[in-house]
Amino acid sequence: MGVPCSRPIAKRLEKAGRTDILEKHRKNGIRWDYINERRNEYGILFRPSALGPVKKYLDISQAVWIYSMWPGYLEKSPSLRRMKKFFKDSGVRYKFIHTSGHAKATGIKKLVTALNPETIVPIHSFHTGEFIKFFDHVRLVKDREVVEV
């Protein structure tokens, strides 16, 4: 797997004394032009600090922006407002998909009951298989498996 690292993120890691992270992933480095050539194959965790390189290097005309944080941040954060405007002006489609974040089983059960989603796709967990004990409509996916949303 390639790991793109924007200059602002690299600088933050250097400032925090975490050059070990940069060195560890340097061998997995991936260039923006490589991503651009294969843009239909990639999903990118995107932060406002990456806006410069994205504007400069990527064709995002067919992209979809999946936003999964609290919607209020889009209005409260100047950097997220700029990012939202850039995506809108670039014709990027917007999709809000709620994620639960870090929560205990009781909190996840309450959330699922309140939202009543059609499908639950557990991510960012060492225990995704546990979800099938509590819910009927769980879809377990493997690393690198493509999921249509």
N, C-alpha and C. Protein backbone atom coordinates (compact mmCIF):
# COMPACT_ATOMS: atom_id res chain seq x y z
N MET A 1 0.84 -1.17 0.00
CA MET A 1 0.00 0.00 0.00
C MET A 1 0.89 1.23 0.00
N GLY A 2 0.57 2.20 -0.82
CA GLY A 2 1.31 3.44 -0.85
C GLY A 2 0.79 4.41 0.20
N VAL A 3 1.66 5.28 0.66
CA VAL A 3 1.30 6.24 1.69
C VAL A 3 1.68 7.63 1.21
N PRO A 4 0.69 8.42 0.74
CA PRO A 4 1.02 9.80 0.38
C PRO A 4 1.12 10.64 1.64
N CYS A 5 2.07 11.52 1.67
CA CYS A 5 2.24 12.38 2.84
C CYS A 5 2.45 13.80 2.35
N SER A 6 1.51 14.66 2.68
CA SER A 6 1.64 16.05 2.25
C SER A 6 2.75 16.74 3.04
N ARG A 7 3.29 17.78 2.47
CA ARG A 7 4.36 18.53 3.11
C ARG A 7 3.93 19.04 4.49
N PRO A 8 2.70 19.60 4.66
CA PRO A 8 2.31 20.07 5.99
C PRO A 8 2.30 18.94 7.04
N ILE A 9 1.84 17.76 6.65
CA ILE A 9 1.83 16.65 7.61
C ILE A 9 3.26 16.23 7.93
N ALA A 10 4.11 16.16 6.92
CA ALA A 10 5.51 15.80 7.15
C ALA A 10 6.18 16.81 8.10
N LYS A 11 5.90 18.08 7.91
CA LYS A 11 6.47 19.11 8.79
C LYS A 11 5.98 18.96 10.23
N ARG A 12 4.69 18.63 10.39
CA ARG A 12 4.15 18.43 11.74
C ARG A 12 4.82 17.24 12.42
N LEU A 13 5.03 16.18 11.66
CA LEU A 13 5.70 15.00 12.23
C LEU A 13 7.14 15.34 12.61
N GLU A 14 7.83 16.07 11.75
CA GLU A 14 9.20 16.48 12.06
C GLU A 14 9.24 17.35 13.31
N LYS A 15 8.33 18.31 13.40
CA LYS A 15 8.28 19.22 14.55
C LYS A 15 8.01 18.45 15.85
N ALA A 16 7.18 17.39 15.75
CA ALA A 16 6.85 16.59 16.92
C ALA A 16 7.94 15.57 17.25
N GLY A 17 9.02 15.58 16.46
CA GLY A 17 10.11 14.63 16.71
C GLY A 17 9.76 13.22 16.27
N ARG A 18 8.84 13.07 15.35
CA ARG A 18 8.40 11.74 14.89
C ARG A 18 8.89 11.44 13.48
N THR A 19 10.15 11.76 13.21
CA THR A 19 10.71 11.43 11.90
C THR A 19 10.76 9.92 11.69
N ASP A 20 10.66 9.15 12.79
CA ASP A 20 10.63 7.69 12.65
C ASP A 20 9.44 7.24 11.80
N ILE A 21 8.33 7.96 11.92
CA ILE A 21 7.14 7.62 11.12
C ILE A 21 7.42 7.88 9.65
N LEU A 22 8.04 9.02 9.36
CA LEU A 22 8.36 9.34 7.97
C LEU A 22 9.33 8.31 7.39
N GLU A 23 10.35 7.96 8.15
CA GLU A 23 11.34 6.98 7.67
C GLU A 23 10.70 5.61 7.45
N LYS A 24 9.84 5.22 8.36
CA LYS A 24 9.18 3.91 8.25
C LYS A 24 8.37 3.81 6.96
N HIS A 25 7.71 4.88 6.59
CA HIS A 25 6.82 4.84 5.43
C HIS A 25 7.45 5.36 4.15
N ARG A 26 8.67 5.85 4.23
CA ARG A 26 9.33 6.39 3.03
C ARG A 26 9.37 5.35 1.91
N LYS A 27 9.64 4.08 2.27
CA LYS A 27 9.72 3.02 1.26
C LYS A 27 8.36 2.76 0.60
N ASN A 28 7.29 3.17 1.28
CA ASN A 28 5.95 3.00 0.74
C ASN A 28 5.42 4.28 0.11
N GLY A 29 6.29 5.24 -0.03
CA GLY A 29 5.86 6.54 -0.54
C GLY A 29 5.15 6.43 -1.88
N ILE A 30 4.25 7.32 -2.10
CA ILE A 30 3.50 7.32 -3.36
C ILE A 30 3.37 8.77 -3.82
N ARG A 31 3.57 8.96 -5.09
CA ARG A 31 3.56 10.32 -5.64
C ARG A 31 2.15 10.69 -6.07
N TRP A 32 1.87 11.99 -6.01
CA TRP A 32 0.55 12.49 -6.39
C TRP A 32 0.23 12.13 -7.84
N ASP A 33 1.22 12.19 -8.74
CA ASP A 33 0.93 11.87 -10.14
C ASP A 33 0.53 10.41 -10.31
N TYR A 34 1.08 9.53 -9.48
CA TYR A 34 0.70 8.12 -9.52
C TYR A 34 -0.77 7.96 -9.11
N ILE A 35 -1.16 8.66 -8.06
CA ILE A 35 -2.55 8.62 -7.61
C ILE A 35 -3.46 9.19 -8.70
N ASN A 36 -3.05 10.30 -9.29
CA ASN A 36 -3.87 10.94 -10.31
C ASN A 36 -4.11 10.03 -11.51
N GLU A 37 -3.07 9.29 -11.90
CA GLU A 37 -3.21 8.37 -13.03
C GLU A 37 -4.15 7.21 -12.72
N ARG A 38 -4.31 6.90 -11.46
CA ARG A 38 -5.14 5.77 -11.02
C ARG A 38 -6.25 6.25 -10.07
N ARG A 39 -6.74 7.44 -10.29
CA ARG A 39 -7.65 8.08 -9.33
C ARG A 39 -8.93 7.30 -9.07
N ASN A 40 -9.34 6.45 -9.98
CA ASN A 40 -10.56 5.66 -9.75
C ASN A 40 -10.30 4.47 -8.84
N GLU A 41 -9.05 4.26 -8.45
CA GLU A 41 -8.69 3.13 -7.60
C GLU A 41 -8.38 3.54 -6.16
N TYR A 42 -8.41 4.84 -5.87
CA TYR A 42 -7.94 5.31 -4.58
C TYR A 42 -9.01 6.03 -3.78
N GLY A 43 -8.92 5.85 -2.48
CA GLY A 43 -9.62 6.68 -1.52
C GLY A 43 -8.54 7.37 -0.72
N ILE A 44 -8.74 8.62 -0.41
CA ILE A 44 -7.71 9.38 0.30
C ILE A 44 -8.31 9.95 1.58
N LEU A 45 -7.64 9.69 2.70
CA LEU A 45 -7.99 10.38 3.93
C LEU A 45 -7.49 11.80 3.75
N PHE A 46 -8.41 12.73 3.76
CA PHE A 46 -8.09 14.09 3.35
C PHE A 46 -8.30 15.06 4.49
N ARG A 47 -7.29 15.85 4.73
CA ARG A 47 -7.38 16.92 5.72
C ARG A 47 -7.20 18.25 5.00
N PRO A 48 -7.71 19.33 5.58
CA PRO A 48 -7.56 20.63 4.92
C PRO A 48 -6.11 20.98 4.58
N SER A 49 -5.16 20.47 5.33
CA SER A 49 -3.75 20.79 5.05
C SER A 49 -3.27 20.22 3.72
N ALA A 50 -4.02 19.27 3.16
CA ALA A 50 -3.64 18.67 1.87
C ALA A 50 -4.27 19.40 0.69
N LEU A 51 -5.00 20.46 0.95
CA LEU A 51 -5.71 21.16 -0.12
C LEU A 51 -4.75 21.67 -1.20
N GLY A 52 -3.62 22.21 -0.80
CA GLY A 52 -2.65 22.73 -1.78
C GLY A 52 -2.20 21.68 -2.78
N PRO A 53 -1.66 20.54 -2.30
CA PRO A 53 -1.23 19.51 -3.24
C PRO A 53 -2.38 18.95 -4.08
N VAL A 54 -3.57 18.83 -3.50
CA VAL A 54 -4.70 18.32 -4.27
C VAL A 54 -5.04 19.28 -5.40
N LYS A 55 -5.09 20.58 -5.09
CA LYS A 55 -5.35 21.58 -6.14
C LYS A 55 -4.29 21.50 -7.24
N LYS A 56 -3.06 21.30 -6.84
CA LYS A 56 -1.94 21.33 -7.77
C LYS A 56 -1.82 20.06 -8.62
N TYR A 57 -2.09 18.90 -8.01
CA TYR A 57 -1.73 17.65 -8.67
C TYR A 57 -2.87 16.74 -9.09
N LEU A 58 -4.04 16.86 -8.49
CA LEU A 58 -5.08 15.86 -8.75
C LEU A 58 -6.25 16.39 -9.57
N ASP A 59 -6.74 15.56 -10.44
CA ASP A 59 -7.98 15.82 -11.16
C ASP A 59 -9.09 15.21 -10.29
N ILE A 60 -9.88 16.05 -9.66
CA ILE A 60 -10.93 15.55 -8.76
C ILE A 60 -12.31 15.73 -9.35
N SER A 61 -12.38 15.95 -10.65
CA SER A 61 -13.66 16.25 -11.28
C SER A 61 -14.69 15.12 -11.14
N GLN A 62 -14.24 13.88 -10.97
CA GLN A 62 -15.16 12.75 -10.82
C GLN A 62 -15.17 12.22 -9.37
N ALA A 63 -14.59 12.97 -8.45
CA ALA A 63 -14.44 12.51 -7.07
C ALA A 63 -15.74 12.64 -6.28
N VAL A 64 -15.78 11.91 -5.19
CA VAL A 64 -16.86 12.01 -4.21
C VAL A 64 -16.21 12.31 -2.87
N TRP A 65 -16.71 13.33 -2.20
CA TRP A 65 -16.20 13.66 -0.87
C TRP A 65 -17.13 13.00 0.13
N ILE A 66 -16.59 12.05 0.89
CA ILE A 66 -17.36 11.39 1.94
C ILE A 66 -16.95 12.04 3.25
N TYR A 67 -17.88 12.72 3.87
CA TYR A 67 -17.63 13.41 5.14
C TYR A 67 -18.29 12.63 6.26
N SER A 68 -17.51 12.33 7.32
CA SER A 68 -18.06 11.47 8.37
C SER A 68 -17.94 12.04 9.77
N MET A 69 -17.53 13.28 9.90
CA MET A 69 -17.46 13.90 11.22
C MET A 69 -18.77 14.64 11.51
N TRP A 70 -18.85 15.24 12.69
CA TRP A 70 -20.02 16.01 13.06
C TRP A 70 -20.24 17.12 12.03
N PRO A 71 -21.45 17.23 11.46
CA PRO A 71 -21.71 18.25 10.43
C PRO A 71 -21.47 19.68 10.90
N GLY A 72 -21.60 19.93 12.18
CA GLY A 72 -21.37 21.29 12.69
C GLY A 72 -19.96 21.80 12.47
N TYR A 73 -18.99 20.88 12.36
CA TYR A 73 -17.61 21.30 12.10
C TYR A 73 -17.49 22.02 10.76
N LEU A 74 -18.35 21.67 9.82
CA LEU A 74 -18.28 22.30 8.50
C LEU A 74 -18.58 23.80 8.57
N GLU A 75 -19.34 24.20 9.56
CA GLU A 75 -19.64 25.62 9.72
C GLU A 75 -18.69 26.30 10.71
N LYS A 76 -18.23 25.57 11.71
CA LYS A 76 -17.39 26.16 12.76
C LYS A 76 -15.93 26.33 12.35
N SER A 77 -15.44 25.47 11.48
CA SER A 77 -14.03 25.47 11.13
C SER A 77 -13.77 26.23 9.83
N PRO A 78 -12.98 27.31 9.89
CA PRO A 78 -12.67 28.05 8.65
C PRO A 78 -11.98 27.16 7.61
N SER A 79 -11.09 26.28 8.05
CA SER A 79 -10.38 25.44 7.08
C SER A 79 -11.32 24.43 6.43
N LEU A 80 -12.28 23.90 7.19
CA LEU A 80 -13.26 22.98 6.59
C LEU A 80 -14.22 23.72 5.67
N ARG A 81 -14.57 24.97 6.01
CA ARG A 81 -15.42 25.77 5.13
C ARG A 81 -14.72 26.00 3.79
N ARG A 82 -13.40 26.32 3.85
CA ARG A 82 -12.64 26.52 2.60
C ARG A 82 -12.60 25.23 1.78
N MET A 83 -12.39 24.11 2.48
CA MET A 83 -12.33 22.82 1.80
C MET A 83 -13.68 22.51 1.16
N LYS A 84 -14.77 22.73 1.89
CA LYS A 84 -16.11 22.48 1.38
C LYS A 84 -16.38 23.33 0.13
N LYS A 85 -16.00 24.60 0.20
CA LYS A 85 -16.20 25.50 -0.94
C LYS A 85 -15.37 25.04 -2.13
N PHE A 86 -14.12 24.67 -1.91
CA PHE A 86 -13.26 24.18 -2.99
C PHE A 86 -13.88 22.96 -3.67
N PHE A 87 -14.32 22.00 -2.87
CA PHE A 87 -14.92 20.80 -3.44
C PHE A 87 -16.19 21.15 -4.24
N LYS A 88 -17.03 22.00 -3.66
CA LYS A 88 -18.27 22.39 -4.35
C LYS A 88 -17.95 23.08 -5.67
N ASP A 89 -17.00 24.04 -5.63
CA ASP A 89 -16.62 24.77 -6.84
C ASP A 89 -15.97 23.86 -7.88
N SER A 90 -15.38 22.76 -7.42
CA SER A 90 -14.72 21.80 -8.33
C SER A 90 -15.68 20.74 -8.85
N GLY A 91 -16.93 20.80 -8.43
CA GLY A 91 -17.92 19.84 -8.90
C GLY A 91 -17.85 18.49 -8.22
N VAL A 92 -17.18 18.43 -7.08
CA VAL A 92 -17.06 17.18 -6.35
C VAL A 92 -18.38 16.88 -5.65
N ARG A 93 -18.87 15.65 -5.83
CA ARG A 93 -20.11 15.25 -5.17
C ARG A 93 -19.85 15.08 -3.67
N TYR A 94 -20.86 15.39 -2.87
CA TYR A 94 -20.76 15.33 -1.40
C TYR A 94 -21.66 14.23 -0.88
N LYS A 95 -21.13 13.44 0.05
CA LYS A 95 -21.93 12.39 0.68
C LYS A 95 -21.56 12.38 2.16
N PHE A 96 -22.57 12.50 3.02
CA PHE A 96 -22.35 12.41 4.46
C PHE A 96 -22.65 10.98 4.89
N ILE A 97 -21.67 10.35 5.49
CA ILE A 97 -21.84 9.00 6.02
C ILE A 97 -21.36 9.04 7.47
N HIS A 98 -22.28 8.86 8.38
CA HIS A 98 -21.94 8.94 9.79
C HIS A 98 -21.06 7.77 10.21
N THR A 99 -20.03 8.06 10.99
CA THR A 99 -19.22 7.01 11.62
C THR A 99 -19.31 7.21 13.12
N SER A 100 -19.21 6.12 13.85
CA SER A 100 -19.44 6.21 15.28
C SER A 100 -18.22 6.65 16.08
N GLY A 101 -17.05 6.59 15.52
CA GLY A 101 -15.85 6.95 16.26
C GLY A 101 -15.51 5.89 17.28
N HIS A 102 -14.83 6.27 18.33
CA HIS A 102 -14.43 5.33 19.37
C HIS A 102 -15.53 5.26 20.42
N ALA A 103 -16.11 4.09 20.55
CA ALA A 103 -17.23 3.95 21.48
C ALA A 103 -17.25 2.54 22.07
N LYS A 104 -17.88 2.43 23.21
CA LYS A 104 -18.10 1.12 23.83
C LYS A 104 -19.30 0.46 23.18
N ALA A 105 -19.45 -0.84 23.38
CA ALA A 105 -20.54 -1.59 22.78
C ALA A 105 -21.90 -0.99 23.12
N THR A 106 -22.09 -0.55 24.37
CA THR A 106 -23.39 0.02 24.75
C THR A 106 -23.70 1.28 23.95
N GLY A 107 -22.69 2.11 23.74
CA GLY A 107 -22.88 3.33 22.96
C GLY A 107 -23.18 3.03 21.50
N ILE A 108 -22.50 2.03 20.95
CA ILE A 108 -22.74 1.65 19.55
C ILE A 108 -24.16 1.10 19.39
N LYS A 109 -24.61 0.30 20.35
CA LYS A 109 -25.97 -0.24 20.30
C LYS A 109 -27.00 0.89 20.31
N LYS A 110 -26.80 1.88 21.17
CA LYS A 110 -27.73 3.01 21.24
C LYS A 110 -27.75 3.78 19.92
N LEU A 111 -26.56 4.00 19.36
CA LEU A 111 -26.46 4.74 18.11
C LEU A 111 -27.17 4.00 16.97
N VAL A 112 -26.92 2.71 16.86
CA VAL A 112 -27.54 1.92 15.80
C VAL A 112 -29.06 1.91 15.96
N THR A 113 -29.53 1.79 17.19
CA THR A 113 -30.97 1.81 17.44
C THR A 113 -31.56 3.15 17.02
N ALA A 114 -30.89 4.24 17.36
CA ALA A 114 -31.39 5.58 17.03
C ALA A 114 -31.36 5.86 15.53
N LEU A 115 -30.30 5.43 14.85
CA LEU A 115 -30.16 5.71 13.42
C LEU A 115 -30.90 4.72 12.53
N ASN A 116 -31.05 3.49 13.02
CA ASN A 116 -31.70 2.42 12.27
C ASN A 116 -31.17 2.32 10.83
N PRO A 117 -29.86 2.13 10.66
CA PRO A 117 -29.27 2.09 9.31
C PRO A 117 -29.64 0.81 8.57
N GLU A 118 -29.61 0.88 7.24
CA GLU A 118 -29.87 -0.31 6.43
C GLU A 118 -28.75 -1.34 6.60
N THR A 119 -27.51 -0.85 6.68
CA THR A 119 -26.34 -1.72 6.77
C THR A 119 -25.33 -1.10 7.72
N ILE A 120 -24.65 -1.93 8.46
CA ILE A 120 -23.57 -1.48 9.35
C ILE A 120 -22.28 -2.09 8.82
N VAL A 121 -21.29 -1.23 8.56
CA VAL A 121 -19.98 -1.69 8.10
C VAL A 121 -18.97 -1.28 9.17
N PRO A 122 -18.60 -2.20 10.06
CA PRO A 122 -17.64 -1.85 11.11
C PRO A 122 -16.25 -1.59 10.52
N ILE A 123 -15.66 -0.49 10.93
CA ILE A 123 -14.30 -0.14 10.49
C ILE A 123 -13.49 0.29 11.70
N HIS A 124 -12.19 0.36 11.51
CA HIS A 124 -11.28 0.88 12.53
C HIS A 124 -11.48 0.14 13.85
N SER A 125 -11.48 -1.18 13.79
CA SER A 125 -11.70 -1.99 14.98
C SER A 125 -10.93 -3.29 14.88
N PHE A 126 -10.48 -3.77 16.01
CA PHE A 126 -9.86 -5.09 16.05
C PHE A 126 -10.92 -6.18 16.25
N HIS A 127 -12.18 -5.77 16.45
CA HIS A 127 -13.24 -6.72 16.80
C HIS A 127 -14.46 -6.55 15.92
N THR A 128 -14.27 -6.40 14.62
CA THR A 128 -15.41 -6.19 13.73
C THR A 128 -16.39 -7.36 13.76
N GLY A 129 -15.87 -8.57 13.96
CA GLY A 129 -16.73 -9.75 14.01
C GLY A 129 -17.72 -9.74 15.15
N GLU A 130 -17.45 -8.98 16.19
CA GLU A 130 -18.36 -8.89 17.34
C GLU A 130 -19.69 -8.24 16.97
N PHE A 131 -19.70 -7.43 15.92
CA PHE A 131 -20.92 -6.72 15.55
C PHE A 131 -22.04 -7.68 15.18
N ILE A 132 -21.70 -8.82 14.59
CA ILE A 132 -22.76 -9.76 14.18
C ILE A 132 -23.46 -10.40 15.37
N LYS A 133 -22.87 -10.29 16.55
CA LYS A 133 -23.54 -10.80 17.76
C LYS A 133 -24.69 -9.89 18.19
N PHE A 134 -24.62 -8.62 17.80
CA PHE A 134 -25.59 -7.63 18.28
C PHE A 134 -26.55 -7.13 17.21
N PHE A 135 -26.17 -7.24 15.93
CA PHE A 135 -26.98 -6.67 14.87
C PHE A 135 -27.16 -7.66 13.73
N ASP A 136 -28.29 -7.55 13.04
CA ASP A 136 -28.60 -8.45 11.93
C ASP A 136 -28.03 -7.97 10.60
N HIS A 137 -27.93 -6.69 10.40
CA HIS A 137 -27.58 -6.13 9.10
C HIS A 137 -26.13 -5.60 9.08
N VAL A 138 -25.19 -6.50 9.35
CA VAL A 138 -23.78 -6.15 9.39
C VAL A 138 -23.10 -6.66 8.13
N ARG A 139 -22.26 -5.85 7.55
CA ARG A 139 -21.45 -6.28 6.41
C ARG A 139 -19.98 -6.18 6.82
N LEU A 140 -19.34 -7.32 6.95
CA LEU A 140 -17.93 -7.35 7.29
C LEU A 140 -17.12 -7.28 6.00
N VAL A 141 -16.14 -6.40 5.97
CA VAL A 141 -15.30 -6.26 4.78
C VAL A 141 -13.84 -6.53 5.15
N LYS A 142 -13.11 -7.02 4.19
CA LYS A 142 -11.69 -7.31 4.38
C LYS A 142 -10.87 -6.09 3.99
N ASP A 143 -9.64 -6.00 4.48
CA ASP A 143 -8.73 -4.94 4.05
C ASP A 143 -8.63 -4.98 2.53
N ARG A 144 -8.66 -3.83 1.94
CA ARG A 144 -8.55 -3.62 0.49
C ARG A 144 -9.80 -4.03 -0.29
N GLU A 145 -10.83 -4.50 0.39
CA GLU A 145 -12.07 -4.82 -0.31
C GLU A 145 -12.78 -3.53 -0.69
N VAL A 146 -13.26 -3.47 -1.91
CA VAL A 146 -13.96 -2.28 -2.40
C VAL A 146 -15.41 -2.35 -1.93
N VAL A 147 -15.89 -1.24 -1.38
CA VAL A 147 -17.27 -1.14 -0.90
C VAL A 147 -17.93 0.01 -1.63
N GLU A 148 -18.99 -0.28 -2.34
CA GLU A 148 -19.76 0.76 -3.05
C GLU A 148 -20.67 1.45 -2.04
N VAL A 149 -20.66 2.79 -2.03
CA VAL A 149 -21.55 3.55 -1.16
C VAL A 149 -22.43 4.47 -1.98
